[in-house]
Every structure is written in structure tokens, then in C-alpha cells.
N, C-alpha and C. Protein backbone atom coordinates (compact mmCIF):
# COMPACT_ATOMS: atom_id res chain seq x y z
N MET A 1 -67.03 -42.21 113.88
CA MET A 1 -66.55 -41.19 112.99
C MET A 1 -65.27 -41.68 112.32
N PRO A 2 -65.16 -41.57 110.98
CA PRO A 2 -63.96 -42.02 110.28
C PRO A 2 -62.75 -41.20 110.69
N GLN A 3 -61.63 -41.86 110.70
CA GLN A 3 -60.39 -41.16 111.01
C GLN A 3 -59.63 -40.89 109.72
N THR A 4 -58.93 -39.81 109.71
CA THR A 4 -58.11 -39.47 108.55
C THR A 4 -56.65 -39.61 108.95
N ILE A 5 -55.84 -39.84 107.95
CA ILE A 5 -54.41 -39.98 108.17
C ILE A 5 -53.72 -38.79 107.55
N GLU A 6 -52.92 -38.14 108.31
CA GLU A 6 -52.13 -37.04 107.77
C GLU A 6 -50.69 -37.52 107.66
N SER A 7 -50.07 -37.16 106.59
CA SER A 7 -48.69 -37.56 106.37
C SER A 7 -47.80 -36.34 106.35
N ARG A 8 -46.66 -36.49 106.88
CA ARG A 8 -45.66 -35.42 106.86
C ARG A 8 -44.60 -35.68 105.79
N HIS A 9 -44.69 -36.84 105.12
CA HIS A 9 -43.64 -37.23 104.17
C HIS A 9 -44.23 -37.42 102.78
N ASN A 10 -44.28 -36.39 102.00
CA ASN A 10 -44.68 -36.46 100.59
C ASN A 10 -46.01 -37.18 100.37
N ASN A 11 -46.97 -36.95 101.21
CA ASN A 11 -48.30 -37.55 101.09
C ASN A 11 -48.27 -39.07 101.07
N ALA A 12 -47.28 -39.69 101.65
CA ALA A 12 -47.22 -41.15 101.74
C ALA A 12 -48.07 -41.58 102.92
N PHE A 13 -49.01 -42.48 102.68
CA PHE A 13 -49.93 -42.89 103.73
C PHE A 13 -49.57 -44.22 104.36
N ALA A 14 -48.54 -44.86 103.90
CA ALA A 14 -48.13 -46.15 104.47
C ALA A 14 -46.75 -46.01 105.06
N SER A 15 -46.57 -46.62 106.17
CA SER A 15 -45.26 -46.64 106.80
C SER A 15 -44.36 -47.58 106.03
N ASN A 16 -43.09 -47.23 105.94
CA ASN A 16 -42.14 -48.12 105.26
C ASN A 16 -42.12 -49.50 105.88
N SER A 17 -42.35 -49.60 107.17
CA SER A 17 -42.29 -50.89 107.83
C SER A 17 -43.48 -51.77 107.46
N LEU A 18 -44.53 -51.18 106.88
CA LEU A 18 -45.70 -51.95 106.50
C LEU A 18 -45.65 -52.43 105.05
N ILE A 19 -44.70 -51.95 104.29
CA ILE A 19 -44.59 -52.34 102.90
C ILE A 19 -43.76 -53.61 102.80
N ALA A 20 -44.31 -54.59 102.13
CA ALA A 20 -43.59 -55.86 101.97
C ALA A 20 -42.37 -55.65 101.09
N ARG A 21 -41.27 -56.22 101.50
CA ARG A 21 -40.04 -56.13 100.75
C ARG A 21 -39.45 -57.53 100.59
N GLY A 22 -38.69 -57.71 99.51
CA GLY A 22 -37.99 -58.98 99.32
C GLY A 22 -38.92 -60.08 98.86
N VAL A 23 -38.60 -61.29 99.29
CA VAL A 23 -39.35 -62.46 98.88
C VAL A 23 -39.95 -63.14 100.10
N SER A 24 -40.98 -63.92 99.87
CA SER A 24 -41.65 -64.60 100.97
C SER A 24 -40.78 -65.74 101.50
N ALA A 25 -41.19 -66.25 102.64
CA ALA A 25 -40.47 -67.39 103.21
C ALA A 25 -40.51 -68.58 102.27
N ASP A 26 -41.65 -68.80 101.59
CA ASP A 26 -41.75 -69.91 100.65
C ASP A 26 -40.77 -69.74 99.50
N SER A 27 -40.66 -68.52 98.98
CA SER A 27 -39.74 -68.26 97.88
C SER A 27 -38.30 -68.45 98.33
N LYS A 28 -38.01 -68.00 99.55
CA LYS A 28 -36.66 -68.18 100.07
C LYS A 28 -36.33 -69.66 100.20
N GLU A 29 -37.29 -70.45 100.69
CA GLU A 29 -37.07 -71.89 100.84
C GLU A 29 -36.86 -72.55 99.48
N LEU A 30 -37.66 -72.15 98.48
CA LEU A 30 -37.51 -72.70 97.14
C LEU A 30 -36.14 -72.34 96.57
N LEU A 31 -35.73 -71.09 96.73
CA LEU A 31 -34.42 -70.68 96.24
C LEU A 31 -33.31 -71.45 96.94
N LYS A 32 -33.44 -71.63 98.25
CA LYS A 32 -32.42 -72.38 99.01
C LYS A 32 -32.32 -73.81 98.49
N LYS A 33 -33.47 -74.45 98.25
CA LYS A 33 -33.45 -75.82 97.74
C LYS A 33 -32.87 -75.88 96.34
N ALA A 34 -33.19 -74.88 95.51
CA ALA A 34 -32.64 -74.85 94.15
C ALA A 34 -31.13 -74.69 94.20
N GLN A 35 -30.63 -73.81 95.10
CA GLN A 35 -29.19 -73.62 95.22
C GLN A 35 -28.51 -74.89 95.74
N GLN A 36 -29.16 -75.57 96.70
CA GLN A 36 -28.59 -76.82 97.21
C GLN A 36 -28.54 -77.87 96.11
N SER A 37 -29.60 -77.92 95.31
CA SER A 37 -29.64 -78.87 94.21
C SER A 37 -28.53 -78.57 93.21
N PHE A 38 -28.33 -77.30 92.92
CA PHE A 38 -27.27 -76.90 91.99
C PHE A 38 -25.90 -77.26 92.56
N ASP A 39 -25.71 -77.03 93.86
CA ASP A 39 -24.44 -77.38 94.50
C ASP A 39 -24.18 -78.88 94.42
N VAL A 40 -25.21 -79.70 94.64
CA VAL A 40 -25.06 -81.15 94.53
C VAL A 40 -24.71 -81.52 93.10
N PHE A 41 -25.40 -80.88 92.15
CA PHE A 41 -25.14 -81.11 90.74
C PHE A 41 -23.68 -80.80 90.41
N LEU A 42 -23.18 -79.65 90.86
CA LEU A 42 -21.80 -79.28 90.57
C LEU A 42 -20.80 -80.15 91.31
N GLY A 43 -21.23 -80.77 92.40
CA GLY A 43 -20.33 -81.58 93.20
C GLY A 43 -20.00 -82.92 92.59
N SER A 44 -20.78 -83.35 91.60
CA SER A 44 -20.47 -84.65 91.00
C SER A 44 -19.24 -84.53 90.11
N SER A 45 -18.37 -85.50 90.16
CA SER A 45 -17.12 -85.42 89.42
C SER A 45 -17.33 -85.32 87.93
N GLU A 46 -18.36 -85.95 87.41
CA GLU A 46 -18.64 -85.91 85.98
C GLU A 46 -18.95 -84.48 85.54
N VAL A 47 -19.70 -83.78 86.34
CA VAL A 47 -20.05 -82.41 86.01
C VAL A 47 -18.84 -81.51 86.05
N ILE A 48 -18.05 -81.63 87.10
CA ILE A 48 -16.86 -80.79 87.22
C ILE A 48 -15.92 -81.05 86.05
N ARG A 49 -15.75 -82.30 85.69
CA ARG A 49 -14.85 -82.65 84.59
C ARG A 49 -15.35 -82.11 83.26
N ASP A 50 -16.64 -82.27 82.98
CA ASP A 50 -17.16 -81.95 81.66
C ASP A 50 -17.68 -80.53 81.50
N TYR A 51 -18.08 -79.88 82.57
CA TYR A 51 -18.80 -78.63 82.42
C TYR A 51 -18.24 -77.49 83.27
N SER A 52 -16.98 -77.56 83.62
CA SER A 52 -16.41 -76.57 84.53
C SER A 52 -16.40 -75.17 83.91
N LEU A 53 -16.42 -75.04 82.60
CA LEU A 53 -16.39 -73.72 81.98
C LEU A 53 -17.70 -72.97 82.14
N THR A 54 -18.77 -73.63 82.52
CA THR A 54 -20.04 -72.94 82.65
C THR A 54 -20.28 -72.44 84.06
N PHE A 55 -19.34 -72.63 84.95
CA PHE A 55 -19.48 -72.21 86.33
C PHE A 55 -18.21 -71.50 86.73
N ARG A 56 -18.33 -70.35 87.37
CA ARG A 56 -17.14 -69.66 87.82
C ARG A 56 -17.31 -69.24 89.26
N ARG A 57 -16.21 -69.07 89.94
CA ARG A 57 -16.23 -68.67 91.34
C ARG A 57 -16.01 -67.17 91.41
N ASN A 58 -16.87 -66.48 92.15
CA ASN A 58 -16.73 -65.06 92.38
C ASN A 58 -15.68 -64.89 93.47
N THR A 59 -14.54 -64.30 93.14
CA THR A 59 -13.45 -64.20 94.10
C THR A 59 -13.74 -63.19 95.20
N GLU A 60 -14.62 -62.23 94.93
CA GLU A 60 -14.95 -61.24 95.96
C GLU A 60 -15.80 -61.84 97.07
N THR A 61 -16.78 -62.65 96.69
CA THR A 61 -17.69 -63.21 97.69
C THR A 61 -17.41 -64.67 97.97
N ASN A 62 -16.49 -65.29 97.19
CA ASN A 62 -16.16 -66.70 97.32
C ASN A 62 -17.40 -67.57 97.13
N SER A 63 -18.28 -67.15 96.26
CA SER A 63 -19.48 -67.94 95.98
C SER A 63 -19.53 -68.24 94.49
N GLY A 64 -20.26 -69.28 94.15
CA GLY A 64 -20.40 -69.65 92.75
C GLY A 64 -21.43 -68.79 92.06
N GLU A 65 -21.20 -68.51 90.81
CA GLU A 65 -22.16 -67.78 90.01
C GLU A 65 -22.51 -68.62 88.79
N MET A 66 -23.78 -68.72 88.49
CA MET A 66 -24.18 -69.39 87.27
C MET A 66 -24.10 -68.38 86.12
N ILE A 67 -23.64 -68.83 85.01
CA ILE A 67 -23.61 -68.00 83.82
C ILE A 67 -24.67 -68.59 82.90
N ILE A 68 -25.78 -67.88 82.74
CA ILE A 68 -26.88 -68.43 81.96
C ILE A 68 -27.35 -67.43 80.91
N SER A 69 -27.98 -67.95 79.88
CA SER A 69 -28.51 -67.11 78.82
C SER A 69 -29.90 -66.62 79.22
N LYS A 70 -30.35 -65.58 78.53
CA LYS A 70 -31.69 -65.07 78.78
C LYS A 70 -32.73 -66.15 78.47
N ALA A 71 -32.51 -66.90 77.41
CA ALA A 71 -33.46 -67.96 77.04
C ALA A 71 -33.59 -68.99 78.15
N PHE A 72 -32.45 -69.38 78.76
CA PHE A 72 -32.52 -70.34 79.85
C PHE A 72 -33.14 -69.72 81.09
N ASN A 73 -32.83 -68.47 81.36
CA ASN A 73 -33.46 -67.78 82.48
C ASN A 73 -34.98 -67.76 82.30
N ASP A 74 -35.44 -67.51 81.08
CA ASP A 74 -36.88 -67.53 80.80
C ASP A 74 -37.48 -68.91 81.10
N THR A 75 -36.73 -69.97 80.78
CA THR A 75 -37.18 -71.33 81.08
C THR A 75 -37.32 -71.52 82.59
N LEU A 76 -36.35 -71.03 83.36
CA LEU A 76 -36.42 -71.14 84.82
C LEU A 76 -37.62 -70.36 85.37
N VAL A 77 -37.89 -69.21 84.80
CA VAL A 77 -39.06 -68.42 85.22
C VAL A 77 -40.35 -69.19 84.95
N GLU A 78 -40.44 -69.81 83.78
CA GLU A 78 -41.63 -70.61 83.46
C GLU A 78 -41.81 -71.75 84.46
N ILE A 79 -40.72 -72.40 84.84
CA ILE A 79 -40.81 -73.47 85.83
C ILE A 79 -41.29 -72.89 87.16
N GLY A 80 -40.74 -71.77 87.57
CA GLY A 80 -41.15 -71.12 88.81
C GLY A 80 -42.62 -70.72 88.79
N ASN A 81 -43.11 -70.32 87.63
CA ASN A 81 -44.52 -69.93 87.52
C ASN A 81 -45.47 -71.10 87.76
N LEU A 82 -44.97 -72.32 87.61
CA LEU A 82 -45.81 -73.50 87.88
C LEU A 82 -46.24 -73.54 89.34
N LEU A 83 -45.51 -72.87 90.21
CA LEU A 83 -45.88 -72.82 91.63
C LEU A 83 -47.22 -72.13 91.86
N THR A 84 -47.64 -71.32 90.90
CA THR A 84 -48.90 -70.59 91.05
C THR A 84 -50.10 -71.37 90.54
N TRP A 85 -49.87 -72.48 89.86
CA TRP A 85 -50.97 -73.27 89.31
C TRP A 85 -51.70 -74.00 90.43
N GLN A 86 -53.01 -73.99 90.37
CA GLN A 86 -53.86 -74.62 91.38
C GLN A 86 -54.36 -75.98 90.88
N ASP A 87 -54.91 -76.79 91.79
CA ASP A 87 -55.58 -78.03 91.38
C ASP A 87 -56.64 -77.68 90.34
N GLY A 88 -56.77 -78.53 89.34
CA GLY A 88 -57.76 -78.29 88.29
C GLY A 88 -57.35 -77.20 87.32
N TRP A 89 -56.08 -76.90 87.20
CA TRP A 89 -55.59 -75.80 86.37
C TRP A 89 -55.99 -75.92 84.91
N ASN A 90 -56.27 -77.11 84.43
CA ASN A 90 -56.64 -77.29 83.02
C ASN A 90 -58.14 -77.44 82.82
N GLY A 91 -58.91 -77.20 83.87
CA GLY A 91 -60.36 -77.32 83.76
C GLY A 91 -60.88 -78.69 84.16
N TYR A 92 -59.99 -79.61 84.48
CA TYR A 92 -60.37 -80.94 84.90
C TYR A 92 -59.84 -81.18 86.32
N ASP A 93 -60.18 -82.31 86.88
CA ASP A 93 -59.82 -82.61 88.26
C ASP A 93 -58.43 -83.24 88.32
N ILE A 94 -57.39 -82.42 88.07
CA ILE A 94 -56.02 -82.90 88.16
C ILE A 94 -55.27 -82.08 89.19
N PRO A 95 -54.21 -82.65 89.77
CA PRO A 95 -53.49 -81.91 90.81
C PRO A 95 -52.61 -80.80 90.23
N ALA A 96 -52.34 -79.83 91.07
CA ALA A 96 -51.38 -78.78 90.73
C ALA A 96 -50.00 -79.42 90.63
N PRO A 97 -49.10 -78.79 89.91
CA PRO A 97 -47.72 -79.31 89.87
C PRO A 97 -47.16 -79.43 91.29
N ARG A 98 -46.53 -80.57 91.57
CA ARG A 98 -45.98 -80.81 92.91
C ARG A 98 -44.66 -80.06 93.09
N LEU A 99 -44.46 -79.51 94.29
CA LEU A 99 -43.23 -78.79 94.59
C LEU A 99 -42.02 -79.68 94.39
N SER A 100 -42.11 -80.93 94.82
CA SER A 100 -40.97 -81.84 94.66
C SER A 100 -40.64 -82.07 93.19
N ALA A 101 -41.66 -82.12 92.34
CA ALA A 101 -41.43 -82.28 90.90
C ALA A 101 -40.82 -81.00 90.31
N ILE A 102 -41.28 -79.85 90.78
CA ILE A 102 -40.73 -78.58 90.31
C ILE A 102 -39.25 -78.47 90.70
N MET A 103 -38.92 -78.88 91.91
CA MET A 103 -37.53 -78.84 92.34
C MET A 103 -36.66 -79.80 91.51
N HIS A 104 -37.17 -81.00 91.27
CA HIS A 104 -36.41 -81.95 90.46
C HIS A 104 -36.29 -81.45 89.03
N ALA A 105 -37.36 -80.84 88.50
CA ALA A 105 -37.31 -80.31 87.14
C ALA A 105 -36.29 -79.19 87.02
N THR A 106 -36.20 -78.34 88.03
CA THR A 106 -35.22 -77.26 88.03
C THR A 106 -33.80 -77.83 88.02
N SER A 107 -33.57 -78.84 88.83
CA SER A 107 -32.27 -79.49 88.87
C SER A 107 -31.95 -80.16 87.53
N TRP A 108 -32.92 -80.90 87.01
CA TRP A 108 -32.69 -81.64 85.76
C TRP A 108 -32.43 -80.70 84.60
N ILE A 109 -33.24 -79.65 84.46
CA ILE A 109 -33.08 -78.74 83.32
C ILE A 109 -31.77 -77.97 83.44
N SER A 110 -31.33 -77.68 84.68
CA SER A 110 -30.03 -77.02 84.87
C SER A 110 -28.91 -77.92 84.39
N LYS A 111 -28.96 -79.19 84.77
CA LYS A 111 -27.96 -80.16 84.32
C LYS A 111 -28.00 -80.25 82.80
N PHE A 112 -29.17 -80.34 82.25
CA PHE A 112 -29.33 -80.46 80.80
C PHE A 112 -28.78 -79.22 80.09
N TYR A 113 -29.11 -78.05 80.60
CA TYR A 113 -28.64 -76.80 80.00
C TYR A 113 -27.11 -76.74 80.01
N TYR A 114 -26.49 -77.03 81.13
CA TYR A 114 -25.03 -76.96 81.21
C TYR A 114 -24.36 -78.02 80.35
N LEU A 115 -25.05 -79.11 80.12
CA LEU A 115 -24.54 -80.14 79.23
C LEU A 115 -24.50 -79.65 77.79
N VAL A 116 -25.54 -78.94 77.36
CA VAL A 116 -25.69 -78.56 75.95
C VAL A 116 -25.44 -77.09 75.69
N THR A 117 -24.94 -76.36 76.68
CA THR A 117 -24.83 -74.90 76.56
C THR A 117 -24.04 -74.45 75.34
N GLY A 118 -23.06 -75.20 74.91
CA GLY A 118 -22.30 -74.82 73.73
C GLY A 118 -22.96 -75.27 72.44
N LEU A 119 -24.11 -75.90 72.53
CA LEU A 119 -24.77 -76.47 71.35
C LEU A 119 -26.07 -75.76 71.00
N ASP A 120 -26.13 -74.47 71.19
CA ASP A 120 -27.31 -73.68 70.85
C ASP A 120 -28.57 -74.14 71.59
N TRP A 121 -28.82 -73.53 72.71
CA TRP A 121 -29.98 -73.85 73.54
C TRP A 121 -31.28 -73.53 72.81
N ILE A 122 -32.20 -74.46 72.85
CA ILE A 122 -33.57 -74.26 72.37
C ILE A 122 -34.46 -74.29 73.60
N SER A 123 -35.22 -73.24 73.84
CA SER A 123 -36.10 -73.23 75.01
C SER A 123 -37.24 -74.22 74.82
N PRO A 124 -37.52 -75.02 75.85
CA PRO A 124 -38.61 -75.98 75.73
C PRO A 124 -39.96 -75.34 76.06
N ASN A 125 -41.01 -75.99 75.63
CA ASN A 125 -42.33 -75.67 76.16
C ASN A 125 -42.35 -76.26 77.57
N VAL A 126 -42.79 -75.50 78.55
CA VAL A 126 -42.83 -75.95 79.93
C VAL A 126 -44.28 -76.00 80.37
N THR A 127 -44.70 -77.16 80.84
CA THR A 127 -46.07 -77.32 81.33
C THR A 127 -46.08 -78.37 82.43
N ALA A 128 -47.27 -78.69 82.90
CA ALA A 128 -47.43 -79.74 83.91
C ALA A 128 -48.24 -80.88 83.31
N GLY A 129 -48.07 -82.06 83.90
CA GLY A 129 -48.81 -83.22 83.45
C GLY A 129 -49.99 -83.51 84.37
N SER A 130 -50.69 -84.56 84.05
CA SER A 130 -51.93 -84.89 84.77
C SER A 130 -51.70 -85.47 86.17
N GLN A 131 -50.46 -85.83 86.49
CA GLN A 131 -50.16 -86.40 87.82
C GLN A 131 -49.31 -85.46 88.67
N GLY A 132 -49.23 -84.18 88.29
CA GLY A 132 -48.43 -83.22 89.04
C GLY A 132 -46.98 -83.18 88.62
N GLU A 133 -46.62 -83.92 87.56
CA GLU A 133 -45.25 -83.91 87.06
C GLU A 133 -45.03 -82.69 86.17
N ILE A 134 -43.77 -82.41 85.85
CA ILE A 134 -43.40 -81.31 84.98
C ILE A 134 -43.04 -81.90 83.62
N VAL A 135 -43.44 -81.20 82.55
CA VAL A 135 -43.21 -81.70 81.20
C VAL A 135 -42.45 -80.64 80.40
N PHE A 136 -41.34 -81.07 79.78
CA PHE A 136 -40.58 -80.22 78.86
C PHE A 136 -40.76 -80.82 77.46
N GLU A 137 -41.00 -79.94 76.48
CA GLU A 137 -41.12 -80.42 75.10
C GLU A 137 -40.30 -79.53 74.17
N TRP A 138 -39.55 -80.19 73.28
CA TRP A 138 -38.79 -79.50 72.25
C TRP A 138 -39.22 -80.08 70.90
N TRP A 139 -39.25 -79.24 69.87
CA TRP A 139 -39.55 -79.68 68.50
C TRP A 139 -38.49 -79.13 67.58
N ARG A 140 -38.14 -79.94 66.59
CA ARG A 140 -37.25 -79.50 65.50
C ARG A 140 -37.61 -80.31 64.28
N GLY A 141 -38.28 -79.67 63.34
CA GLY A 141 -38.77 -80.38 62.16
C GLY A 141 -39.77 -81.45 62.59
N VAL A 142 -39.54 -82.69 62.14
CA VAL A 142 -40.44 -83.79 62.52
C VAL A 142 -40.07 -84.41 63.86
N LYS A 143 -38.96 -83.97 64.43
CA LYS A 143 -38.50 -84.53 65.70
C LYS A 143 -39.16 -83.83 66.88
N LYS A 144 -39.56 -84.63 67.85
CA LYS A 144 -40.14 -84.10 69.09
C LYS A 144 -39.50 -84.86 70.25
N LEU A 145 -39.05 -84.10 71.24
CA LEU A 145 -38.48 -84.67 72.45
C LEU A 145 -39.32 -84.18 73.62
N THR A 146 -39.87 -85.12 74.39
CA THR A 146 -40.67 -84.80 75.57
C THR A 146 -40.01 -85.45 76.77
N VAL A 147 -39.83 -84.67 77.84
CA VAL A 147 -39.24 -85.19 79.07
C VAL A 147 -40.24 -84.95 80.20
N TYR A 148 -40.57 -86.02 80.90
CA TYR A 148 -41.50 -85.97 82.03
C TYR A 148 -40.70 -86.07 83.31
N ILE A 149 -40.84 -85.06 84.19
CA ILE A 149 -40.07 -85.02 85.42
C ILE A 149 -41.02 -85.17 86.61
N SER A 150 -40.85 -86.25 87.36
CA SER A 150 -41.61 -86.42 88.60
C SER A 150 -40.71 -86.01 89.76
N ASN A 151 -41.14 -86.28 90.96
CA ASN A 151 -40.30 -85.93 92.10
C ASN A 151 -39.07 -86.83 92.21
N ARG A 152 -39.07 -87.99 91.54
CA ARG A 152 -37.96 -88.93 91.68
C ARG A 152 -37.24 -89.31 90.39
N ASN A 153 -37.88 -89.14 89.24
CA ASN A 153 -37.21 -89.57 88.03
C ASN A 153 -37.55 -88.68 86.85
N ALA A 154 -36.81 -88.87 85.77
CA ALA A 154 -37.02 -88.16 84.51
C ALA A 154 -37.05 -89.21 83.41
N GLU A 155 -38.09 -89.15 82.61
CA GLU A 155 -38.24 -90.10 81.50
C GLU A 155 -38.48 -89.32 80.22
N TYR A 156 -37.98 -89.86 79.12
CA TYR A 156 -38.13 -89.16 77.84
C TYR A 156 -38.91 -90.01 76.84
N VAL A 157 -39.48 -89.29 75.86
CA VAL A 157 -40.08 -89.91 74.69
C VAL A 157 -39.56 -89.15 73.49
N GLN A 158 -38.95 -89.88 72.55
CA GLN A 158 -38.50 -89.31 71.28
C GLN A 158 -39.50 -89.71 70.21
N VAL A 159 -39.86 -88.77 69.36
CA VAL A 159 -40.78 -89.06 68.26
C VAL A 159 -40.18 -88.47 66.99
N TRP A 160 -40.14 -89.28 65.92
CA TRP A 160 -39.64 -88.79 64.64
C TRP A 160 -40.55 -89.21 63.49
N GLY A 161 -41.75 -89.67 63.83
CA GLY A 161 -42.73 -90.05 62.82
C GLY A 161 -44.00 -90.55 63.48
N PRO A 162 -44.99 -90.97 62.67
CA PRO A 162 -46.30 -91.34 63.22
C PRO A 162 -46.41 -92.78 63.73
N ASP A 163 -45.49 -93.66 63.38
CA ASP A 163 -45.61 -95.07 63.74
C ASP A 163 -45.04 -95.31 65.14
N ILE A 164 -45.89 -95.72 66.09
CA ILE A 164 -45.43 -95.91 67.47
C ILE A 164 -44.47 -97.08 67.61
N ASN A 165 -44.44 -97.98 66.66
CA ASN A 165 -43.54 -99.13 66.74
C ASN A 165 -42.16 -98.85 66.15
N THR A 166 -42.07 -97.97 65.15
CA THR A 166 -40.79 -97.75 64.49
C THR A 166 -40.29 -96.30 64.55
N ASP A 167 -41.14 -95.35 64.95
CA ASP A 167 -40.77 -93.93 64.93
C ASP A 167 -40.76 -93.28 66.31
N MET A 168 -40.69 -94.10 67.37
CA MET A 168 -40.68 -93.57 68.73
C MET A 168 -39.75 -94.39 69.61
N ASN A 169 -39.22 -93.73 70.62
CA ASN A 169 -38.33 -94.38 71.57
C ASN A 169 -38.55 -93.72 72.93
N ASP A 170 -38.32 -94.45 74.00
CA ASP A 170 -38.46 -93.86 75.34
C ASP A 170 -37.41 -94.45 76.26
N GLY A 171 -37.24 -93.80 77.43
CA GLY A 171 -36.27 -94.30 78.39
C GLY A 171 -36.03 -93.35 79.53
N ASP A 172 -35.00 -93.65 80.29
CA ASP A 172 -34.59 -92.89 81.46
C ASP A 172 -33.78 -91.67 81.01
N ALA A 173 -34.20 -90.47 81.43
CA ALA A 173 -33.52 -89.24 81.02
C ALA A 173 -32.58 -88.70 82.09
N GLU A 174 -32.25 -89.50 83.08
CA GLU A 174 -31.35 -89.03 84.14
C GLU A 174 -29.86 -89.10 83.77
N PRO A 175 -29.38 -90.18 83.15
CA PRO A 175 -27.94 -90.27 82.88
C PRO A 175 -27.45 -89.17 81.94
N ILE A 176 -26.29 -88.62 82.23
CA ILE A 176 -25.74 -87.54 81.42
C ILE A 176 -25.52 -87.98 79.98
N GLU A 177 -25.05 -89.21 79.78
CA GLU A 177 -24.84 -89.69 78.41
C GLU A 177 -26.15 -89.74 77.63
N THR A 178 -27.23 -90.09 78.29
CA THR A 178 -28.54 -90.10 77.64
C THR A 178 -28.94 -88.68 77.27
N CYS A 179 -28.73 -87.74 78.17
CA CYS A 179 -29.06 -86.34 77.89
C CYS A 179 -28.28 -85.84 76.68
N ARG A 180 -27.00 -86.15 76.64
CA ARG A 180 -26.17 -85.74 75.50
C ARG A 180 -26.70 -86.35 74.21
N MET A 181 -27.00 -87.64 74.23
CA MET A 181 -27.52 -88.32 73.05
C MET A 181 -28.84 -87.70 72.59
N LEU A 182 -29.73 -87.36 73.52
CA LEU A 182 -31.03 -86.78 73.17
C LEU A 182 -30.85 -85.43 72.49
N TRP A 183 -29.95 -84.61 73.03
CA TRP A 183 -29.77 -83.28 72.44
C TRP A 183 -29.14 -83.35 71.05
N VAL A 184 -28.14 -84.20 70.91
CA VAL A 184 -27.51 -84.37 69.60
C VAL A 184 -28.54 -84.87 68.60
N TRP A 185 -29.36 -85.84 69.00
CA TRP A 185 -30.42 -86.35 68.13
C TRP A 185 -31.37 -85.24 67.71
N LEU A 186 -31.79 -84.41 68.65
CA LEU A 186 -32.74 -83.35 68.34
C LEU A 186 -32.14 -82.31 67.41
N ARG A 187 -30.88 -81.98 67.62
CA ARG A 187 -30.23 -80.90 66.85
C ARG A 187 -29.75 -81.32 65.47
N THR A 188 -29.64 -82.63 65.20
CA THR A 188 -29.12 -83.07 63.89
C THR A 188 -30.25 -83.48 62.97
């Protein structure tokens, strides 16, 4: 015989203790790693020297607060959404974006954002590549900047025309000076 549930509290049939609250352990671990990555990023002397105005200390909690734009927050959300992509996400037999690549991409894009924050942020297209890497793409007129982020490195491709010998360039996108040069190139 079926059992019925009677409620004494506004017809609520679920106990508060049964309702999931907060974030999952996986989300907490991802957030912890992202915060650690950000702390390492801020700990480098070059960052402190060049970008101290984009980070402030909350005197009430003695913790750091990131000051970010809605556009950049949307970029971070897009990166986080890559965690939901499964193997074969594009209809072919390719791997899902790797967690290590997502973590590195979050760190890299944060560094990049804080580098160019005073230079009018353009949100990139965020997607995954065929090897589980993360791909950022920006366009401005005929210029295209693509950055491929794996778990260990970041590489860029600049395109400003159709000729692969004279209208394209590539290289390591990790050094801050390279990041600065890429953004200035894209924006001018």
C-alpha cells in the first residue's frame, strides 16, 4: 500500500536537510585550485609591480578581492562551463576538455585580463580543441588572435591576412611581455 506524506510546514514535502545546498566537492576543489593559482599569479614580483591596482585587500576579512568586469566574469563562466563537456562533444571521437587545461586556462586568462584591464577588454570566444586543450579567440577587423592552452603551456597564433608565410606568426604566450605585445597588436 502506498504511503502518503503529511507536512506540517506549508505543504513542504522535503526536509531541509535533504535539499542540496552550496557547491559540490568537485566545485569546491576547482575553486580552491583557481584561488591558489591566482595567489601564485599575484605572488610574482612582476605582477605586483605592474598590476597592483587591479587587486585590493579587504581590510575586514584580510583577504584579497578580485575586481573584475562583467565581461571578464562571463569569460570565466564560459571556461567553467567547459567542465560539463563530455568526450565526443563535437560529434567526433575527441576528448572532453581536460581539468588541468581548464585550470591553466583560468590562470592564463586571469593574468592576461589583469595585464590589459586598462586597455578595453574584448571577450574571447572560448572553446575546446581536439586534444582537450582550451582555445581563446579574439577578432578585430582582419586581425585574429588564437591562444591554445594545454595543461602545461600557452601558444598563440596571430593572423592578419591569408598568406601563411607573410601574414601569420606564432609563439609562446606565457611571458607577460608577449601577452602585452599581443594585446597591443590586436587593439591597434
